[in-house]
């Protein structure tokens, strides 16, 4: 479960208080019970908070989409995804790590792909290319796109 950040929490609390005062004012004018005041303020606070949460979530996902895939070659065969992830996280945000294995033997093939935030990818390539890692010299560069099969027809 992901907890809201401090800013979202403060906004939710303030909106809840505003909704409570609006509901309390309405209840004083209508001579209603305290339970109704709580119910109305909770409803108003929830509606307003969900609206603001949905808008901030949409903008956060738009920013997170921009990634770049990096080829990593000459990896040690004993290196796993978590070790490679931690190596690249020193340079920036890592979205995904895929190390390829041989279909027949199941052993790692010594290369893979790291998907990183686009802003951090060039920094990672510059910092890690030709770097010594577990007694191997890494080859790190931007991954080439797979050719489409439909172009051959």
Protein backbone atom coordinates (compact mmCIF):
# COMPACT_ATOMS: atom_id res chain seq x y z
CA UNK A 1 0.00 0.00 0.00
CA UNK A 2 1.34 3.39 -0.95
CA UNK A 3 1.02 6.13 1.64
CA UNK A 4 0.23 9.69 0.56
CA UNK A 5 3.01 12.21 0.64
CA UNK A 6 3.01 15.02 3.20
CA UNK A 7 1.59 17.60 0.79
CA UNK A 8 -1.41 15.39 -0.09
CA UNK A 9 -2.06 14.70 3.57
CA UNK A 10 -2.05 18.41 4.48
CA UNK A 11 -4.37 19.26 1.58
CA UNK A 12 -6.74 16.45 2.58
CA UNK A 13 -6.79 17.61 6.21
CA UNK A 14 -7.49 21.22 5.23
CA UNK A 15 -10.23 20.23 2.81
CA UNK A 16 -11.77 18.01 5.49
CA UNK A 17 -11.81 20.91 7.96
CA UNK A 18 -13.39 23.24 5.40
CA UNK A 19 -16.02 20.63 4.57
CA UNK A 20 -16.71 20.15 8.29
CA UNK A 21 -17.29 23.87 8.84
CA UNK A 22 -19.57 24.06 5.82
CA UNK A 23 -21.56 21.06 7.05
CA UNK A 24 -21.64 22.43 10.60
CA UNK A 25 -22.97 25.77 9.38
CA UNK A 26 -25.62 23.97 7.36
CA UNK A 27 -26.61 21.86 10.37
CA UNK A 28 -26.91 24.90 12.65
CA UNK A 29 -29.22 26.53 10.15
CA UNK A 30 -31.27 23.36 9.71
CA UNK A 31 -31.24 22.25 13.39
CA UNK A 32 -29.89 18.75 12.49
CA UNK A 33 -28.00 16.19 14.52
CA UNK A 34 -24.24 15.85 15.03
CA UNK A 35 -24.10 12.50 13.18
CA UNK A 36 -25.48 14.15 10.08
CA UNK A 37 -22.83 16.89 10.32
CA UNK A 38 -20.07 14.27 10.44
CA UNK A 39 -21.57 12.33 7.54
CA UNK A 40 -21.91 15.40 5.32
CA UNK A 41 -18.41 16.69 6.12
CA UNK A 42 -16.90 13.28 5.42
CA UNK A 43 -18.74 13.05 2.11
CA UNK A 44 -17.70 16.54 0.99
CA UNK A 45 -14.09 16.02 2.10
CA UNK A 46 -13.92 12.68 0.30
CA UNK A 47 -15.29 14.06 -2.95
CA UNK A 48 -12.94 17.04 -2.97
CA UNK A 49 -9.91 14.95 -1.96
CA UNK A 50 -10.57 12.29 -4.60
CA UNK A 51 -10.79 14.99 -7.26
CA UNK A 52 -7.42 16.49 -6.30
CA UNK A 53 -5.82 13.06 -5.92
CA UNK A 54 -6.96 11.99 -9.40
CA UNK A 55 -5.53 15.11 -11.03
CA UNK A 56 -2.17 14.82 -9.28
CA UNK A 57 -1.99 11.08 -10.13
CA UNK A 58 -2.53 11.76 -13.84
CA UNK A 59 0.29 14.31 -13.97
CA UNK A 60 2.62 11.96 -12.04
CA UNK A 61 2.04 9.09 -14.47
CA UNK A 62 2.65 11.34 -17.49
CA UNK A 63 6.08 12.23 -16.12
CA UNK A 64 6.93 8.62 -15.30
CA UNK A 65 6.35 7.37 -18.86
CA UNK A 66 9.50 8.86 -20.40
CA UNK A 67 12.08 6.08 -20.19
CA UNK A 68 15.07 4.86 -22.15
CA UNK A 69 16.32 1.29 -22.50
CA UNK A 70 20.03 0.67 -21.99
CA UNK A 71 21.98 -2.37 -23.18
CA UNK A 72 24.41 -3.77 -20.60
CA UNK A 73 26.98 -6.24 -21.91
CA UNK A 74 29.85 -8.28 -20.48
CA UNK A 75 28.01 -8.83 -17.20
CA UNK A 76 29.35 -11.45 -14.82
CA UNK A 77 27.28 -14.62 -15.08
CA UNK A 78 26.68 -14.62 -11.30
CA UNK A 79 25.14 -11.09 -11.38
CA UNK A 80 21.38 -11.08 -10.83
CA UNK A 81 18.68 -8.46 -11.44
CA UNK A 82 18.86 -6.95 -7.94
CA UNK A 83 22.64 -6.43 -8.11
CA UNK A 84 22.40 -4.78 -11.54
CA UNK A 85 19.44 -2.68 -10.37
CA UNK A 86 21.38 -1.37 -7.36
CA UNK A 87 24.38 -0.56 -9.57
CA UNK A 88 22.23 1.52 -11.94
CA UNK A 89 20.15 3.12 -9.16
CA UNK A 90 23.32 4.92 -8.10
CA UNK A 91 22.93 6.89 -11.35
CA UNK A 92 19.16 7.51 -11.26
CA UNK A 93 15.67 6.03 -11.35
CA UNK A 94 15.49 2.42 -12.60
CA UNK A 95 12.14 1.20 -13.91
CA UNK A 96 13.00 -2.36 -14.98
CA UNK A 97 15.95 -4.77 -15.27
CA UNK A 98 15.94 -7.79 -17.62
CA UNK A 99 18.91 -10.17 -17.73
CA UNK A 100 18.70 -12.71 -20.52
CA UNK A 101 19.09 -16.44 -19.98
CA UNK A 102 19.88 -19.30 -22.35
CA UNK A 103 16.66 -21.14 -23.30
CA UNK A 104 18.23 -24.59 -23.04
CA UNK A 105 20.43 -24.33 -19.96
CA UNK A 106 18.69 -21.53 -18.03
CA UNK A 107 22.06 -19.89 -17.31
CA UNK A 108 22.52 -16.17 -17.73
CA UNK A 109 24.03 -15.07 -21.03
CA UNK A 110 26.08 -12.16 -19.67
CA UNK A 111 24.00 -9.29 -20.97
CA UNK A 112 20.69 -7.59 -20.35
CA UNK A 113 18.66 -4.44 -20.50
CA UNK A 114 17.98 -1.71 -17.96
CA UNK A 115 15.04 0.64 -18.41
CA UNK A 116 15.70 4.00 -16.76
CA UNK A 117 14.21 7.45 -16.59
CA UNK A 118 15.21 9.26 -19.75
CA UNK A 119 16.91 12.07 -17.83
CA UNK A 120 19.16 9.60 -15.97
CA UNK A 121 19.99 7.23 -18.85
CA UNK A 122 22.78 9.28 -20.46
CA UNK A 123 24.35 9.87 -17.06
CA UNK A 124 24.32 6.11 -16.39
CA UNK A 125 25.82 5.29 -19.79
CA UNK A 126 28.65 7.79 -19.30
CA UNK A 127 29.36 6.65 -15.74
CA UNK A 128 29.15 2.87 -16.21
CA UNK A 129 30.51 2.19 -19.70
CA UNK A 130 33.95 0.53 -19.44
CA UNK A 131 33.58 0.38 -15.65
CA UNK A 132 34.99 -2.58 -13.73
CA UNK A 133 32.15 -4.59 -12.12
CA UNK A 134 32.80 -7.93 -10.38
CA UNK A 135 36.06 -8.42 -12.33
CA UNK A 136 34.39 -7.69 -15.71
CA UNK A 137 34.51 -4.52 -17.82
CA UNK A 138 30.93 -3.48 -18.59
CA UNK A 139 29.76 -2.36 -22.01
CA UNK A 140 26.89 0.08 -21.55
CA UNK A 141 25.10 1.90 -24.37
CA UNK A 142 21.64 2.83 -25.57
CA UNK A 143 19.73 -0.23 -26.72
CA UNK A 144 18.89 -0.57 -30.39
CA UNK A 145 15.24 -0.99 -31.34
CA UNK A 146 14.08 -4.40 -32.61
CA UNK A 147 13.30 -4.36 -36.34
CA UNK A 148 9.60 -4.87 -37.11
CA UNK A 149 8.67 -8.16 -38.80
CA UNK A 150 5.96 -6.44 -40.90
CA UNK A 151 8.60 -4.45 -42.86
CA UNK A 152 9.92 -7.65 -44.53
CA UNK A 153 6.59 -8.44 -46.22
